């Protein structure tokens, strides 16, 4: 095994390919230093039903292509969430302290009562954390604690699955002494504002003093949690399941995969980390100074993209899926490395072989920086 590199805490990488040569432990050390006090991310794992259809549809040309496909939810629940559980281990090995997976959020209530039984079947896949010996060992070796927060009891009681509720309790008990990392599985039935109001009143009634943010966070999540630093979603640019109290500042960086998260890889995650650490942290610095040539190039870029809007997409009538439309245009005279023009096939935000110009501007804490300005 190659020993980890001894990297200065303020090491800056301008090129993704160089960053990607680092071992997991090397990147972990950088993450732990750069994301102090905000080492929390949201992984809004999604697209599992589409992935199931792709993996279980026979594309033999002799088949009737107009035949409707069906999801066998009993079979689907056995594998749909398993990929997530392994993804979490990979992310933790890169130095992430806390990951939040919003399992159920209030807008899902709009899908009607027929959706809940299907979703509960999906959640049964979490039994892997008890039955899969490899996963049990991985979570133990890496010190990963599992906590269920929010109104999951109410949700499972509504779905009449007290057996699964018991399983959740067993998972939490099995991992309660793991202290290196935490995965928070969240259930939010009520709107966030209502939850905060109710929790505040309940805390005051019980303790007879006004709660601080720290009090409310620990009461709701079961432990102290850093503010969210970045959010990984899929499909349309929304922040479903955004965790209450931990996203108050609204400065988390947002990333969205174009393909379902079953396609998500370690390399994809490293692209996000590189962008987070060395691209988004070099803009909006207090020492922001520009030369005339810089302003000229910026002018060319903004004028070339004056009609471009990130987040605009279209719907493919075959498959009925949304996809983002390409937006950014790099002017011919822009003096940017050609690498930055090569975008990843799977990302709307992070680029594939990209450089970050002038990333030495601010090699310090990435948590206090604003959104990316190209």
Protein backbone atom coordinates (compact mmCIF):
# COMPACT_ATOMS: atom_id res chain seq x y z
CA UNK A 1 0.00 0.00 0.00
CA UNK A 2 1.35 3.42 -0.96
CA UNK A 3 1.90 5.56 2.16
CA UNK A 4 -0.07 8.82 2.29
CA UNK A 5 1.68 11.95 1.11
CA UNK A 6 2.68 14.57 3.65
CA UNK A 7 0.90 17.59 2.20
CA UNK A 8 0.93 21.08 3.73
CA UNK A 9 -2.53 21.98 5.02
CA UNK A 10 -2.80 24.86 2.53
CA UNK A 11 -1.84 22.80 -0.53
CA UNK A 12 -3.53 24.11 -3.68
CA UNK A 13 -4.23 22.07 -6.81
CA UNK A 14 -4.88 23.89 -10.09
CA UNK A 15 -5.48 20.77 -12.15
CA UNK A 16 -8.00 18.00 -11.50
CA UNK A 17 -5.81 15.28 -12.99
CA UNK A 18 -3.10 16.01 -10.43
CA UNK A 19 -5.63 16.09 -7.61
CA UNK A 20 -7.10 12.80 -8.79
CA UNK A 21 -3.72 11.08 -8.40
CA UNK A 22 -3.95 11.48 -4.62
CA UNK A 23 -4.94 8.59 -2.41
CA UNK A 24 -8.18 8.63 -0.42
CA UNK A 25 -6.32 9.37 2.82
CA UNK A 26 -4.48 12.31 1.22
CA UNK A 27 -7.75 13.87 0.08
CA UNK A 28 -9.26 13.07 3.47
CA UNK A 29 -6.58 15.14 5.20
CA UNK A 30 -7.24 18.08 2.87
CA UNK A 31 -11.00 17.86 3.42
CA UNK A 32 -10.68 17.74 7.20
CA UNK A 33 -8.49 20.83 7.17
CA UNK A 34 -10.38 22.88 4.60
CA UNK A 35 -13.91 22.08 5.77
CA UNK A 36 -13.45 22.70 9.46
CA UNK A 37 -16.76 23.56 11.14
CA UNK A 38 -18.74 22.82 7.98
CA UNK A 39 -17.86 19.21 7.19
CA UNK A 40 -21.41 18.16 6.38
CA UNK A 41 -22.88 17.32 2.98
CA UNK A 42 -26.29 16.31 1.65
CA UNK A 43 -26.50 13.33 -0.71
CA UNK A 44 -30.03 13.41 -2.11
CA UNK A 45 -29.70 9.93 -3.58
CA UNK A 46 -32.26 9.61 -6.37
CA UNK A 47 -33.20 8.06 -9.70
CA UNK A 48 -33.41 4.49 -8.41
CA UNK A 49 -36.64 3.56 -10.21
CA UNK A 50 -35.28 4.73 -13.55
CA UNK A 51 -32.10 2.75 -12.90
CA UNK A 52 -34.15 -0.34 -12.08
CA UNK A 53 -36.03 -0.08 -15.38
CA UNK A 54 -32.80 0.33 -17.34
CA UNK A 55 -31.17 -2.65 -15.63
CA UNK A 56 -34.20 -4.94 -15.87
CA UNK A 57 -35.61 -4.17 -19.32
CA UNK A 58 -34.83 -6.54 -22.16
CA UNK A 59 -33.69 -4.38 -25.08
CA UNK A 60 -33.68 -7.26 -27.56
CA UNK A 61 -34.71 -5.81 -30.91
CA UNK A 62 -37.28 -8.57 -31.39
CA UNK A 63 -39.31 -7.29 -28.44
CA UNK A 64 -42.29 -4.99 -28.76
CA UNK A 65 -40.73 -1.57 -28.13
CA UNK A 66 -44.18 -0.10 -27.42
CA UNK A 67 -44.83 -2.54 -24.58
CA UNK A 68 -45.15 -0.81 -21.20
CA UNK A 69 -42.57 -1.59 -18.54
CA UNK A 70 -43.38 -2.35 -14.91
CA UNK A 71 -41.43 -2.15 -11.67
CA UNK A 72 -41.51 -5.22 -9.44
CA UNK A 73 -41.29 -3.35 -6.14
CA UNK A 74 -40.58 -6.51 -4.14
CA UNK A 75 -37.49 -7.10 -6.28
CA UNK A 76 -36.66 -3.40 -6.56
CA UNK A 77 -36.43 -2.90 -2.79
CA UNK A 78 -33.73 -5.57 -2.49
CA UNK A 79 -31.16 -3.63 -4.49
CA UNK A 80 -32.28 0.00 -4.92
CA UNK A 81 -30.76 1.43 -1.75
CA UNK A 82 -27.74 -0.89 -1.57
CA UNK A 83 -25.63 1.31 -3.87
CA UNK A 84 -26.23 4.28 -1.56
CA UNK A 85 -24.88 2.40 1.46
CA UNK A 86 -21.60 1.70 -0.35
CA UNK A 87 -21.40 5.25 -1.73
CA UNK A 88 -21.53 6.57 1.82
CA UNK A 89 -18.48 4.51 2.82
CA UNK A 90 -16.55 5.85 -0.18
CA UNK A 91 -17.46 9.44 0.70
CA UNK A 92 -16.50 9.03 4.34
CA UNK A 93 -13.11 7.63 3.29
CA UNK A 94 -12.53 10.96 1.53
CA UNK A 95 -12.77 12.81 4.84
CA UNK A 96 -16.45 13.76 5.04
CA UNK A 97 -17.60 13.84 8.65
CA UNK A 98 -21.40 13.87 8.31
CA UNK A 99 -23.67 12.96 5.40
CA UNK A 100 -27.40 13.67 5.35
CA UNK A 101 -29.72 11.59 3.21
CA UNK A 102 -33.22 13.11 3.10
CA UNK A 103 -35.26 9.91 2.77
CA UNK A 104 -38.70 11.49 2.89
CA UNK A 105 -39.57 15.18 2.68
CA UNK A 106 -42.81 17.10 2.79
CA UNK A 107 -43.22 17.59 -0.97
CA UNK A 108 -43.43 13.80 -1.43
CA UNK A 109 -46.78 14.00 0.34
CA UNK A 110 -48.10 15.52 -2.90
CA UNK A 111 -47.63 12.21 -4.75
CA UNK A 112 -50.70 10.75 -3.10
CA UNK A 113 -51.33 7.85 -0.69
CA UNK A 114 -50.42 5.20 -3.26
CA UNK A 115 -46.76 6.28 -3.18
CA UNK A 116 -46.07 5.58 0.51
CA UNK A 117 -46.34 1.74 0.36
CA UNK A 118 -43.89 1.69 -2.54
CA UNK A 119 -41.49 3.95 -0.69
CA UNK A 120 -41.59 1.84 2.46
CA UNK A 121 -40.67 -1.21 0.38
CA UNK A 122 -37.68 0.80 -0.83
CA UNK A 123 -36.67 1.60 2.77
CA UNK A 124 -36.63 -2.10 3.61
CA UNK A 125 -33.37 -2.21 1.70
CA UNK A 126 -31.77 -0.63 4.78
CA UNK A 127 -31.91 -4.11 6.32
CA UNK A 128 -28.59 -4.54 4.49
CA UNK A 129 -27.01 -2.71 7.43
CA UNK A 130 -27.97 -5.70 9.59
CA UNK A 131 -27.89 -8.61 7.14
CA UNK A 132 -25.00 -7.81 4.80
CA UNK A 133 -21.86 -8.91 6.65
CA UNK A 134 -19.57 -6.91 4.36
CA UNK A 135 -21.49 -3.68 4.99
CA UNK A 136 -21.74 -4.32 8.73
CA UNK A 137 -17.96 -4.76 8.85
CA UNK A 138 -17.29 -1.68 6.70
CA UNK A 139 -19.45 0.52 8.92
CA UNK A 140 -17.68 -0.86 11.99
CA UNK A 141 -14.14 -0.50 10.61
CA UNK A 142 -14.77 3.08 9.47
CA UNK A 143 -16.65 4.08 12.62
CA UNK A 144 -19.85 5.05 10.82
CA UNK A 145 -22.81 5.78 13.05
CA UNK A 146 -26.36 5.62 11.67
CA UNK A 147 -29.01 7.97 13.05
CA UNK A 148 -32.63 8.27 11.96
CA UNK A 149 -34.09 11.71 12.61
CA UNK A 150 -37.39 13.49 12.10
CA UNK A 151 -40.82 11.91 11.84
CA UNK A 152 -39.80 8.44 10.67
CA UNK A 153 -41.86 6.74 13.39
CA UNK A 154 -45.00 8.54 12.23
CA UNK A 155 -44.25 7.66 8.60
CA UNK A 156 -43.76 3.95 9.29
CA UNK A 157 -46.81 3.81 11.54
CA UNK A 158 -48.80 5.37 8.71
CA UNK A 159 -47.44 2.70 6.41
CA UNK A 160 -48.24 0.02 8.99
CA UNK A 161 -44.68 -1.32 9.07
CA UNK A 162 -43.68 -1.58 12.71
CA UNK A 163 -41.26 -4.37 11.80
CA UNK A 164 -39.19 -1.91 9.76
CA UNK A 165 -39.34 0.56 12.64
CA UNK A 166 -37.84 -2.14 14.85
CA UNK A 167 -35.10 -2.67 12.26
CA UNK A 168 -34.29 1.04 12.28
CA UNK A 169 -33.89 0.89 16.05
CA UNK A 170 -31.60 -2.14 15.74
CA UNK A 171 -29.41 -0.36 13.17
CA UNK A 172 -29.11 2.71 15.40
CA UNK A 173 -28.26 0.54 18.41
CA UNK A 174 -25.68 -1.49 16.48
CA UNK A 175 -23.77 1.62 15.38
CA UNK A 176 -24.29 3.96 18.35
CA UNK A 177 -20.69 3.63 19.56
CA UNK A 178 -19.18 4.42 16.15
CA UNK A 179 -17.72 7.92 16.42
CA UNK A 180 -15.72 8.76 13.28
CA UNK A 181 -18.55 9.55 10.86
CA UNK A 182 -22.32 9.91 10.92
CA UNK A 183 -25.00 9.23 8.34
CA UNK A 184 -28.30 10.95 9.10
CA UNK A 185 -31.36 9.40 7.46
CA UNK A 186 -34.07 12.04 7.55
CA UNK A 187 -37.85 12.04 7.44
CA UNK A 188 -39.70 15.35 7.21
CA UNK A 189 -43.49 15.20 6.94
CA UNK A 190 -44.34 18.72 8.09
CA UNK A 191 -43.03 21.87 6.48
CA UNK A 192 -39.66 22.95 7.96
CA UNK A 193 -41.03 26.15 9.52
CA UNK A 194 -43.72 24.20 11.37
CA UNK A 195 -41.15 21.72 12.65
CA UNK A 196 -38.87 24.48 13.95
CA UNK A 197 -41.76 26.27 15.67
CA UNK A 198 -43.02 23.09 17.33
CA UNK A 199 -39.54 22.05 18.46
CA UNK A 200 -38.83 25.50 19.88
CA UNK A 201 -42.08 25.57 21.86
CA UNK A 202 -41.50 22.02 23.10
CA UNK A 203 -37.96 22.83 24.22
CA UNK A 204 -39.05 25.97 26.07
CA UNK A 205 -41.95 24.18 27.76
CA UNK A 206 -39.63 21.45 29.00
CA UNK A 207 -36.61 23.56 30.00
CA UNK A 208 -38.11 26.99 30.73
CA UNK A 209 -35.52 28.91 28.72
CA UNK A 210 -35.16 29.89 25.08
CA UNK A 211 -33.21 27.36 23.02
CA UNK A 212 -30.12 28.30 21.06
CA UNK A 213 -29.48 26.98 17.57
CA UNK A 214 -27.10 24.47 19.15
CA UNK A 215 -29.90 23.27 21.44
CA UNK A 216 -32.34 22.83 18.56
CA UNK A 217 -29.81 21.03 16.36
CA UNK A 218 -28.90 18.52 19.05
CA UNK A 219 -32.53 18.00 20.01
CA UNK A 220 -33.58 17.34 16.40
CA UNK A 221 -30.63 15.40 14.99
CA UNK A 222 -29.48 13.64 18.14
CA UNK A 223 -26.01 15.23 18.15
CA UNK A 224 -24.19 18.39 17.13
CA UNK A 225 -23.90 18.72 13.34
CA UNK A 226 -21.88 21.20 11.27
CA UNK A 227 -23.65 23.44 8.78
CA UNK A 228 -24.08 21.94 5.32
CA UNK A 229 -21.17 22.69 3.01
CA UNK A 230 -22.45 21.19 -0.25
CA UNK A 231 -25.43 19.37 -1.70
CA UNK A 232 -25.46 16.64 -4.36
CA UNK A 233 -28.76 16.18 -6.16
CA UNK A 234 -30.01 14.65 -9.39
CA UNK A 235 -32.09 15.93 -12.28
CA UNK A 236 -33.78 19.31 -11.94
CA UNK A 237 -32.03 21.98 -9.89
CA UNK A 238 -33.97 21.84 -6.62
CA UNK A 239 -32.98 21.28 -3.00
CA UNK A 240 -35.57 18.75 -1.87
CA UNK A 241 -35.05 17.63 1.70
CA UNK A 242 -32.73 20.53 2.55
CA UNK A 243 -32.02 19.91 6.26
CA UNK A 244 -33.52 22.43 8.65
CA UNK A 245 -31.25 24.55 10.86
CA UNK A 246 -28.13 23.39 8.98
CA UNK A 247 -28.71 25.37 5.78
CA UNK A 248 -29.77 28.69 7.31
CA UNK A 249 -27.01 30.71 5.65
CA UNK A 250 -27.89 29.38 2.21
CA UNK A 251 -24.25 29.28 1.12
CA UNK A 252 -23.88 25.56 0.47
CA UNK A 253 -22.55 24.72 -2.99
CA UNK A 254 -24.97 22.83 -5.22
CA UNK A 255 -24.08 19.98 -7.58
CA UNK A 256 -26.43 17.93 -9.77
CA UNK A 257 -25.75 14.75 -11.69
CA UNK A 258 -27.40 14.38 -15.07
CA UNK A 259 -27.67 10.60 -14.68
CA UNK A 260 -29.27 8.76 -11.73
CA UNK A 261 -27.06 8.22 -8.72
CA UNK A 262 -26.70 4.52 -9.51
CA UNK A 263 -24.16 5.77 -12.08
CA UNK A 264 -22.30 7.84 -9.48
CA UNK A 265 -18.63 6.93 -9.09
CA UNK A 266 -15.64 7.73 -6.93
CA UNK A 267 -14.24 9.77 -9.82
CA UNK A 268 -17.45 11.81 -9.97
CA UNK A 269 -17.21 12.52 -6.25
CA UNK A 270 -13.61 13.65 -6.60
CA UNK A 271 -14.63 16.09 -9.35
CA UNK A 272 -17.08 17.65 -6.93
CA UNK A 273 -14.48 17.82 -4.14
CA UNK A 274 -11.95 19.44 -6.48
CA UNK A 275 -14.48 22.04 -7.60
CA UNK A 276 -15.57 22.68 -4.02
CA UNK A 277 -12.05 23.04 -2.64
CA UNK A 278 -10.14 24.77 -5.39
CA UNK A 279 -12.58 26.39 -7.83
CA UNK A 280 -15.46 27.80 -5.83
CA UNK A 281 -13.19 29.03 -3.06
CA UNK A 282 -11.18 31.33 -5.33
CA UNK A 283 -13.97 33.79 -6.16
CA UNK A 284 -15.52 36.71 -4.30
CA UNK A 285 -12.40 37.08 -2.16
CA UNK A 286 -11.96 40.36 -0.26
CA UNK A 287 -8.63 40.89 -2.03
CA UNK A 288 -10.41 40.71 -5.40
CA UNK A 289 -8.23 42.74 -7.80
CA UNK A 290 -8.43 42.74 -11.57
CA UNK A 291 -6.22 43.99 -14.36
CA UNK A 292 -7.63 45.63 -17.48
CA UNK A 293 -7.13 42.41 -19.46
CA UNK A 294 -9.07 40.51 -16.79
CA UNK A 295 -12.03 42.86 -17.09
CA UNK A 296 -11.90 42.65 -20.88
CA UNK A 297 -12.02 38.86 -20.83
CA UNK A 298 -14.78 38.91 -18.24
CA UNK A 299 -16.74 41.33 -20.43
CA UNK A 300 -16.36 39.00 -23.44
CA UNK A 301 -17.56 36.03 -21.43
CA UNK A 302 -20.60 37.75 -19.91
CA UNK A 303 -21.67 39.33 -23.19
CA UNK A 304 -21.36 35.96 -24.94
CA UNK A 305 -23.60 34.44 -22.28
CA UNK A 306 -26.06 37.29 -21.77
CA UNK A 307 -28.96 35.04 -22.78
CA UNK A 308 -27.69 31.91 -21.00
CA UNK A 309 -29.49 30.71 -17.87
CA UNK A 310 -28.24 27.79 -15.80
CA UNK A 311 -31.06 25.42 -14.86
CA UNK A 312 -33.02 25.65 -18.10
CA UNK A 313 -33.79 22.26 -19.58
CA UNK A 314 -36.18 20.26 -21.68
CA UNK A 315 -38.16 17.02 -21.47
CA UNK A 316 -37.51 14.07 -23.73
CA UNK A 317 -40.94 12.66 -24.71
CA UNK A 318 -39.35 9.21 -24.98
CA UNK A 319 -38.71 8.34 -21.34
CA UNK A 320 -40.28 11.54 -20.06
CA UNK A 321 -37.06 12.67 -18.38
CA UNK A 322 -35.80 16.21 -17.88
CA UNK A 323 -32.31 17.18 -18.95
CA UNK A 324 -30.33 20.44 -18.67
CA UNK A 325 -29.59 22.35 -21.85
CA UNK A 326 -25.96 23.43 -22.48
CA UNK A 327 -25.55 27.09 -21.60
CA UNK A 328 -21.99 28.39 -21.18
CA UNK A 329 -20.19 29.73 -24.25
CA UNK A 330 -16.44 30.39 -24.02
CA UNK A 331 -15.43 33.28 -26.31
CA UNK A 332 -12.61 32.54 -28.75
CA UNK A 333 -10.28 35.08 -27.18
CA UNK A 334 -10.82 33.89 -23.62
CA UNK A 335 -7.42 32.94 -22.21
CA UNK A 336 -8.55 29.93 -20.31
CA UNK A 337 -7.00 26.48 -20.55
CA UNK A 338 -8.70 24.32 -23.15
CA UNK A 339 -9.23 21.77 -20.40
CA UNK A 340 -11.95 23.83 -18.82
CA UNK A 341 -14.05 23.60 -21.97
CA UNK A 342 -14.23 19.83 -21.73
CA UNK A 343 -17.24 19.17 -19.55
CA UNK A 344 -18.12 15.92 -17.92
CA UNK A 345 -20.79 13.78 -19.55
CA UNK A 346 -22.44 13.30 -16.19
CA UNK A 347 -22.26 16.70 -14.57
CA UNK A 348 -24.01 20.00 -14.97
CA UNK A 349 -21.77 21.75 -12.44
CA UNK A 350 -18.39 20.03 -12.11
CA UNK A 351 -16.21 19.70 -15.20
CA UNK A 352 -14.21 16.68 -16.25
CA UNK A 353 -10.62 17.75 -16.91
CA UNK A 354 -10.81 21.27 -15.64
CA UNK A 355 -8.38 23.75 -14.21
CA UNK A 356 -9.08 26.41 -11.64
CA UNK A 357 -7.42 29.66 -12.59
CA UNK A 358 -5.88 31.69 -9.75
CA UNK A 359 -7.00 29.18 -7.15
CA UNK A 360 -4.21 30.38 -4.89
CA UNK A 361 -6.29 33.52 -4.27
CA UNK A 362 -7.81 32.02 -1.18
CA UNK A 363 -6.53 28.59 -0.07
CA UNK A 364 -8.26 28.87 3.27
CA UNK A 365 -11.58 27.63 4.60
CA UNK A 366 -13.98 26.90 1.74
CA UNK A 367 -17.02 27.24 3.97
CA UNK A 368 -17.16 31.01 3.94
CA UNK A 369 -17.11 31.47 0.18
CA UNK A 370 -19.99 32.46 -2.04
CA UNK A 371 -21.29 30.79 -5.21
CA UNK A 372 -19.13 30.12 -8.23
CA UNK A 373 -18.55 33.01 -10.62
CA UNK A 374 -16.91 31.92 -13.86
